[in-house]
Amino acid sequence: MSEAFKEMYDVIVNRRDNPQEGSYTCYLFDKGLDKILKKCGEECTEMVIAAKNHDNEELANEINDVLYHMAVLMVERGLTVEEVDEIMRERSKKLGNLKQFHVSDHNT
């Protein structure tokens, strides 16, 4: 994953471990998993709409929102960037084999 994503992830971990009043990230952790999942879904929908509307600036912003909320979800569930990286590296090896990648993707 990108260094920027890892940095954002680390900030989110810090907010969880050292809550700061007025922090949106802390608000999400306080509200719990259901709120985090709701925000993930909302941001995904907004991303889809931005893509449909051919608005690349808005699309880039919505993708960033999805990644942020996804990182909050990862921290909430105890999933590390390294664990996701490992799976991403394994899957990148399958990109040349569409049938194998499709079977793997279908089962996840």
Protein backbone atom coordinates (compact mmCIF):
# COMPACT_ATOMS: atom_id res chain seq x y z
CA MET A 1 0.00 0.00 0.00
CA SER A 2 1.08 3.56 -0.42
CA GLU A 3 3.11 5.37 2.19
CA ALA A 4 0.33 7.98 2.48
CA PHE A 5 -2.21 5.25 3.33
CA LYS A 6 0.14 3.81 5.96
CA GLU A 7 0.61 7.27 7.47
CA MET A 8 -3.17 7.81 7.59
CA TYR A 9 -3.60 4.36 9.16
CA ASP A 10 -1.02 5.22 11.82
CA VAL A 11 -2.82 8.49 12.64
CA ILE A 12 -6.07 6.53 13.04
CA VAL A 13 -4.37 4.06 15.41
CA ASN A 14 -3.04 7.01 17.38
CA ARG A 15 -6.52 8.55 17.63
CA ARG A 16 -7.90 5.25 18.91
CA ASP A 17 -5.11 4.94 21.48
CA ASN A 18 -5.01 8.64 22.41
CA PRO A 19 -8.51 10.06 21.92
CA GLN A 20 -8.77 13.76 21.14
CA GLU A 21 -11.89 15.77 21.78
CA GLY A 22 -13.53 16.93 18.57
CA SER A 23 -11.81 14.28 16.44
CA TYR A 24 -14.06 12.74 13.78
CA THR A 25 -12.02 9.54 13.97
CA CYS A 26 -12.64 9.32 17.73
CA TYR A 27 -16.33 9.95 17.09
CA LEU A 28 -16.43 6.95 14.74
CA PHE A 29 -14.70 4.71 17.30
CA ASP A 30 -17.08 5.91 20.02
CA LYS A 31 -20.13 5.10 17.85
CA GLY A 32 -18.78 1.66 17.03
CA LEU A 33 -18.73 -0.82 14.20
CA ASP A 34 -22.25 -0.16 12.88
CA LYS A 35 -21.48 3.55 12.37
CA ILE A 36 -18.14 2.79 10.73
CA LEU A 37 -19.78 0.30 8.36
CA LYS A 38 -22.56 2.76 7.54
CA LYS A 39 -19.99 5.39 6.62
CA CYS A 40 -18.07 2.89 4.48
CA GLY A 41 -21.25 2.14 2.55
CA GLU A 42 -22.20 5.80 2.16
CA GLU A 43 -18.76 6.72 0.85
CA CYS A 44 -18.76 3.80 -1.61
CA THR A 45 -22.09 4.98 -2.99
CA GLU A 46 -20.79 8.55 -3.33
CA MET A 47 -17.72 7.20 -5.13
CA VAL A 48 -19.91 5.30 -7.60
CA ILE A 49 -22.01 8.39 -8.32
CA ALA A 50 -18.89 10.54 -8.88
CA ALA A 51 -17.59 7.94 -11.35
CA LYS A 52 -20.93 7.79 -13.14
CA ASN A 53 -20.94 11.57 -13.44
CA HIS A 54 -17.44 11.57 -14.98
CA ASP A 55 -16.20 13.98 -12.29
CA ASN A 56 -12.61 12.88 -11.69
CA GLU A 57 -11.91 15.54 -9.07
CA GLU A 58 -14.92 14.45 -7.03
CA LEU A 59 -14.08 10.80 -7.72
CA ALA A 60 -10.57 11.27 -6.30
CA ASN A 61 -12.05 12.89 -3.19
CA GLU A 62 -14.61 10.12 -2.72
CA ILE A 63 -11.97 7.41 -3.19
CA ASN A 64 -9.97 9.11 -0.46
CA ASP A 65 -13.05 9.11 1.79
CA VAL A 66 -13.55 5.39 1.10
CA LEU A 67 -9.92 4.65 1.92
CA TYR A 68 -10.09 6.68 5.14
CA HIS A 69 -13.23 4.91 6.38
CA MET A 70 -11.79 1.57 5.28
CA ALA A 71 -8.69 2.31 7.38
CA VAL A 72 -10.89 3.14 10.38
CA LEU A 73 -12.64 -0.21 9.84
CA MET A 74 -9.28 -1.99 9.66
CA VAL A 75 -8.17 -0.46 12.96
CA GLU A 76 -11.52 -1.21 14.59
CA ARG A 77 -11.25 -4.87 13.57
CA GLY A 78 -7.54 -5.18 14.36
CA LEU A 79 -6.44 -5.69 10.76
CA THR A 80 -3.00 -4.33 9.90
CA VAL A 81 -1.77 -2.74 6.70
CA GLU A 82 0.83 -5.49 6.50
CA GLU A 83 -1.86 -8.20 6.48
CA VAL A 84 -3.68 -6.51 3.61
CA ASP A 85 -0.38 -5.88 1.79
CA GLU A 86 0.47 -9.58 1.94
CA ILE A 87 -2.83 -10.54 0.31
CA MET A 88 -2.42 -7.78 -2.27
CA ARG A 89 1.04 -9.08 -3.20
CA GLU A 90 -0.30 -12.64 -3.53
CA ARG A 91 -3.16 -11.50 -5.74
CA SER A 92 -0.89 -9.38 -7.93
CA LYS A 93 0.89 -12.60 -8.92
CA LYS A 94 -2.41 -13.88 -10.34
CA LEU A 95 -3.12 -10.89 -12.59
CA GLY A 96 -1.77 -12.71 -15.64
CA ASN A 97 -4.11 -15.65 -15.14
CA LEU A 98 -7.65 -14.32 -15.50
CA LYS A 99 -9.34 -17.67 -14.90
CA GLN A 100 -7.36 -18.35 -11.71
CA PHE A 101 -7.88 -14.76 -10.48
CA HIS A 102 -11.61 -14.97 -11.23
CA VAL A 103 -11.98 -18.22 -9.30
CA SER A 104 -10.06 -16.76 -6.35
CA ASP A 105 -12.06 -13.53 -6.46
CA HIS A 106 -15.36 -15.40 -6.74
CA ASN A 107 -14.68 -17.33 -3.55
CA THR A 108 -13.84 -14.24 -1.45
